[in-house]
Amino acid sequence: MDVRKLVGRNFARLRREKSLTQEEVETRSGFSQQYLSGLERGLRNPTVITLYELAQALGVSHVDLVREEPGFDEVALEPSPLPPGRRKGR
């Protein structure tokens, strides 16, 4: 999976789980809403320091931003109908 898309998907999911808007994360982190939007769309390539600062703003571990969730289809980014390890191309 493309790491930028993985980070963007995880960031957006975690932000929504915390009931935060991009504007609220902007205030907490100092990163612009435009940057955060690009990050969520997989258009940004954040540094390790950026990942750490964004995780701090969300109140999660930086590892949560790069962790691949099992059961997600890498192309569609939605739950796969096949069990982990049984996906096409593996």
N, C-alpha and C. Protein backbone atom coordinates (compact mmCIF):
# COMPACT_ATOMS: atom_id res chain seq x y z
N MET A 1 0.83 -1.18 0.00
CA MET A 1 0.00 0.00 0.00
C MET A 1 0.88 1.24 0.00
N ASP A 2 0.44 2.26 -0.67
CA ASP A 2 1.11 3.55 -0.69
C ASP A 2 1.05 4.13 0.72
N VAL A 3 2.20 4.45 1.27
CA VAL A 3 2.28 4.93 2.65
C VAL A 3 1.53 6.25 2.83
N ARG A 4 1.59 7.13 1.83
CA ARG A 4 0.86 8.40 1.94
C ARG A 4 -0.63 8.17 2.10
N LYS A 5 -1.18 7.23 1.33
CA LYS A 5 -2.61 6.93 1.42
C LYS A 5 -2.94 6.26 2.75
N LEU A 6 -2.06 5.39 3.22
CA LEU A 6 -2.26 4.72 4.51
C LEU A 6 -2.30 5.75 5.64
N VAL A 7 -1.33 6.65 5.66
CA VAL A 7 -1.29 7.69 6.70
C VAL A 7 -2.52 8.58 6.60
N GLY A 8 -2.89 8.97 5.39
CA GLY A 8 -4.06 9.82 5.21
C GLY A 8 -5.33 9.17 5.69
N ARG A 9 -5.50 7.89 5.34
CA ARG A 9 -6.70 7.16 5.76
C ARG A 9 -6.74 7.03 7.28
N ASN A 10 -5.60 6.68 7.89
CA ASN A 10 -5.56 6.53 9.34
C ASN A 10 -5.78 7.87 10.05
N PHE A 11 -5.17 8.92 9.53
CA PHE A 11 -5.34 10.24 10.14
C PHE A 11 -6.81 10.65 10.11
N ALA A 12 -7.45 10.51 8.95
CA ALA A 12 -8.86 10.90 8.82
C ALA A 12 -9.74 10.07 9.75
N ARG A 13 -9.49 8.77 9.82
CA ARG A 13 -10.28 7.89 10.69
C ARG A 13 -10.12 8.29 12.16
N LEU A 14 -8.88 8.47 12.59
CA LEU A 14 -8.62 8.83 13.98
C LEU A 14 -9.19 10.20 14.32
N ARG A 15 -9.08 11.14 13.39
CA ARG A 15 -9.64 12.48 13.62
C ARG A 15 -11.15 12.39 13.82
N ARG A 16 -11.81 11.61 12.97
CA ARG A 16 -13.27 11.47 13.09
C ARG A 16 -13.64 10.74 14.38
N GLU A 17 -12.86 9.71 14.75
CA GLU A 17 -13.13 8.98 16.00
C GLU A 17 -13.04 9.92 17.20
N LYS A 18 -12.17 10.92 17.13
CA LYS A 18 -12.02 11.89 18.21
C LYS A 18 -13.01 13.05 18.08
N SER A 19 -13.88 12.98 17.04
CA SER A 19 -14.88 14.04 16.77
C SER A 19 -14.23 15.40 16.60
N LEU A 20 -13.12 15.43 15.87
CA LEU A 20 -12.40 16.67 15.61
C LEU A 20 -12.55 17.07 14.15
N THR A 21 -12.66 18.37 13.91
CA THR A 21 -12.64 18.87 12.54
C THR A 21 -11.18 19.12 12.15
N GLN A 22 -10.95 19.30 10.87
CA GLN A 22 -9.60 19.66 10.42
C GLN A 22 -9.19 20.99 11.03
N GLU A 23 -10.12 21.90 11.18
CA GLU A 23 -9.82 23.20 11.77
C GLU A 23 -9.39 23.07 13.24
N GLU A 24 -10.02 22.16 13.96
CA GLU A 24 -9.62 21.94 15.35
C GLU A 24 -8.23 21.32 15.43
N VAL A 25 -7.92 20.41 14.53
CA VAL A 25 -6.57 19.83 14.51
C VAL A 25 -5.56 20.90 14.09
N GLU A 26 -5.96 21.80 13.20
CA GLU A 26 -5.09 22.91 12.81
C GLU A 26 -4.69 23.72 14.05
N THR A 27 -5.67 24.03 14.88
CA THR A 27 -5.41 24.80 16.10
C THR A 27 -4.49 24.04 17.05
N ARG A 28 -4.73 22.75 17.19
CA ARG A 28 -3.93 21.93 18.11
C ARG A 28 -2.51 21.69 17.61
N SER A 29 -2.35 21.56 16.28
CA SER A 29 -1.07 21.12 15.73
C SER A 29 -0.24 22.23 15.09
N GLY A 30 -0.90 23.27 14.60
CA GLY A 30 -0.19 24.31 13.89
C GLY A 30 -0.08 24.05 12.39
N PHE A 31 -0.51 22.87 11.93
CA PHE A 31 -0.53 22.57 10.50
C PHE A 31 -1.81 23.13 9.90
N SER A 32 -1.71 23.73 8.73
CA SER A 32 -2.87 24.38 8.12
C SER A 32 -3.94 23.36 7.74
N GLN A 33 -5.17 23.84 7.66
CA GLN A 33 -6.28 22.99 7.24
C GLN A 33 -6.03 22.47 5.83
N GLN A 34 -5.42 23.27 4.98
CA GLN A 34 -5.10 22.85 3.61
C GLN A 34 -4.10 21.70 3.62
N TYR A 35 -3.10 21.77 4.50
CA TYR A 35 -2.13 20.68 4.61
C TYR A 35 -2.83 19.41 5.10
N LEU A 36 -3.67 19.55 6.12
CA LEU A 36 -4.36 18.39 6.67
C LEU A 36 -5.29 17.75 5.64
N SER A 37 -5.94 18.56 4.83
CA SER A 37 -6.80 18.05 3.77
C SER A 37 -5.98 17.26 2.75
N GLY A 38 -4.86 17.80 2.36
CA GLY A 38 -3.97 17.09 1.43
C GLY A 38 -3.44 15.81 2.02
N LEU A 39 -3.15 15.84 3.31
CA LEU A 39 -2.68 14.63 4.00
C LEU A 39 -3.75 13.55 3.95
N GLU A 40 -4.98 13.91 4.27
CA GLU A 40 -6.08 12.94 4.28
C GLU A 40 -6.34 12.36 2.89
N ARG A 41 -6.06 13.13 1.85
CA ARG A 41 -6.27 12.65 0.49
C ARG A 41 -5.06 11.90 -0.06
N GLY A 42 -4.03 11.73 0.78
CA GLY A 42 -2.85 10.98 0.36
C GLY A 42 -1.93 11.75 -0.56
N LEU A 43 -2.01 13.07 -0.51
CA LEU A 43 -1.19 13.91 -1.39
C LEU A 43 0.06 14.43 -0.72
N ARG A 44 0.17 14.27 0.58
CA ARG A 44 1.32 14.77 1.34
C ARG A 44 2.21 13.61 1.78
N ASN A 45 3.48 13.90 1.91
CA ASN A 45 4.45 12.91 2.36
C ASN A 45 5.07 13.42 3.66
N PRO A 46 4.39 13.17 4.80
CA PRO A 46 4.84 13.75 6.06
C PRO A 46 6.14 13.14 6.56
N THR A 47 6.92 13.97 7.25
CA THR A 47 8.14 13.50 7.88
C THR A 47 7.80 12.75 9.17
N VAL A 48 8.78 12.10 9.73
CA VAL A 48 8.58 11.40 11.00
C VAL A 48 8.20 12.40 12.09
N ILE A 49 8.81 13.56 12.07
CA ILE A 49 8.50 14.59 13.07
C ILE A 49 7.05 15.06 12.90
N THR A 50 6.61 15.25 11.65
CA THR A 50 5.23 15.65 11.39
C THR A 50 4.27 14.60 11.89
N LEU A 51 4.55 13.33 11.63
CA LEU A 51 3.70 12.24 12.12
C LEU A 51 3.58 12.30 13.64
N TYR A 52 4.69 12.51 14.31
CA TYR A 52 4.69 12.58 15.77
C TYR A 52 3.83 13.76 16.25
N GLU A 53 4.01 14.92 15.63
CA GLU A 53 3.25 16.11 16.05
C GLU A 53 1.76 15.96 15.78
N LEU A 54 1.40 15.35 14.64
CA LEU A 54 -0.01 15.11 14.34
C LEU A 54 -0.61 14.12 15.33
N ALA A 55 0.14 13.08 15.66
CA ALA A 55 -0.35 12.10 16.64
C ALA A 55 -0.57 12.76 17.99
N GLN A 56 0.33 13.64 18.39
CA GLN A 56 0.16 14.37 19.65
C GLN A 56 -1.11 15.21 19.61
N ALA A 57 -1.38 15.84 18.49
CA ALA A 57 -2.58 16.68 18.37
C ALA A 57 -3.85 15.84 18.46
N LEU A 58 -3.78 14.59 18.00
CA LEU A 58 -4.94 13.70 18.07
C LEU A 58 -5.02 12.93 19.39
N GLY A 59 -3.93 12.92 20.14
CA GLY A 59 -3.90 12.17 21.39
C GLY A 59 -3.76 10.67 21.17
N VAL A 60 -3.00 10.30 20.12
CA VAL A 60 -2.78 8.89 19.80
C VAL A 60 -1.28 8.66 19.65
N SER A 61 -0.89 7.42 19.47
CA SER A 61 0.50 7.08 19.20
C SER A 61 0.82 7.34 17.74
N HIS A 62 2.04 7.77 17.46
CA HIS A 62 2.46 7.98 16.08
C HIS A 62 2.38 6.68 15.27
N VAL A 63 2.50 5.55 15.96
CA VAL A 63 2.40 4.25 15.30
C VAL A 63 1.00 4.04 14.71
N ASP A 64 -0.01 4.61 15.36
CA ASP A 64 -1.38 4.48 14.87
C ASP A 64 -1.57 5.09 13.48
N LEU A 65 -0.73 6.05 13.14
CA LEU A 65 -0.85 6.70 11.83
C LEU A 65 -0.26 5.87 10.70
N VAL A 66 0.61 4.93 11.02
CA VAL A 66 1.25 4.12 9.97
C VAL A 66 0.86 2.65 10.03
N ARG A 67 0.01 2.30 10.97
CA ARG A 67 -0.40 0.90 11.14
C ARG A 67 -1.42 0.53 10.07
N GLU A 68 -1.17 -0.59 9.38
CA GLU A 68 -2.13 -1.08 8.39
C GLU A 68 -3.16 -1.95 9.09
N GLU A 69 -4.42 -1.60 8.91
CA GLU A 69 -5.50 -2.36 9.52
C GLU A 69 -5.73 -3.65 8.74
N PRO A 70 -5.75 -4.80 9.42
CA PRO A 70 -6.03 -6.05 8.71
C PRO A 70 -7.46 -6.07 8.18
N GLY A 71 -7.65 -6.71 7.02
CA GLY A 71 -8.98 -6.83 6.47
C GLY A 71 -9.37 -5.70 5.55
N PHE A 72 -8.44 -4.79 5.24
CA PHE A 72 -8.75 -3.70 4.33
C PHE A 72 -8.13 -3.99 2.98
N ASP A 73 -8.93 -3.82 1.95
CA ASP A 73 -8.47 -4.00 0.58
C ASP A 73 -7.57 -2.82 0.23
N GLU A 74 -6.39 -3.07 -0.29
CA GLU A 74 -5.42 -2.02 -0.55
C GLU A 74 -5.84 -1.09 -1.67
N VAL A 75 -6.67 -1.55 -2.59
CA VAL A 75 -7.08 -0.69 -3.70
C VAL A 75 -8.31 0.11 -3.32
N ALA A 76 -9.34 -0.57 -2.84
CA ALA A 76 -10.60 0.10 -2.55
C ALA A 76 -10.62 0.76 -1.18
N LEU A 77 -9.68 0.40 -0.30
CA LEU A 77 -9.62 0.93 1.06
C LEU A 77 -10.90 0.68 1.82
N GLU A 78 -11.46 -0.49 1.64
CA GLU A 78 -12.66 -0.89 2.37
C GLU A 78 -12.49 -2.35 2.78
N PRO A 79 -13.32 -2.84 3.70
CA PRO A 79 -13.15 -4.22 4.14
C PRO A 79 -13.14 -5.20 2.97
N SER A 80 -12.19 -6.09 3.02
CA SER A 80 -12.05 -7.10 1.97
C SER A 80 -12.99 -8.26 2.25
N PRO A 81 -13.61 -8.85 1.21
CA PRO A 81 -14.49 -9.98 1.42
C PRO A 81 -13.71 -11.26 1.77
N LEU A 82 -12.40 -11.27 1.51
CA LEU A 82 -11.59 -12.44 1.80
C LEU A 82 -10.87 -12.25 3.13
N PRO A 83 -10.67 -13.34 3.87
CA PRO A 83 -9.95 -13.21 5.14
C PRO A 83 -8.50 -12.78 4.90
N PRO A 84 -7.88 -12.14 5.89
CA PRO A 84 -6.47 -11.72 5.75
C PRO A 84 -5.61 -12.90 5.34
N GLY A 85 -4.64 -12.62 4.46
CA GLY A 85 -3.75 -13.67 3.98
C GLY A 85 -4.29 -14.45 2.80
N ARG A 86 -5.56 -14.21 2.45
CA ARG A 86 -6.20 -14.93 1.35
C ARG A 86 -6.62 -13.98 0.22
N ARG A 87 -6.05 -12.76 0.25
CA ARG A 87 -6.40 -11.78 -0.77
C ARG A 87 -5.67 -12.08 -2.07
N LYS A 88 -6.24 -11.62 -3.15
CA LYS A 88 -5.61 -11.78 -4.46
C LYS A 88 -4.27 -11.09 -4.47
N GLY A 89 -3.32 -11.70 -5.18
CA GLY A 89 -2.01 -11.09 -5.34
C GLY A 89 -1.08 -11.29 -4.17
N ARG A 90 -1.44 -12.11 -3.23
CA ARG A 90 -0.56 -12.34 -2.07
C ARG A 90 0.01 -13.71 -2.11
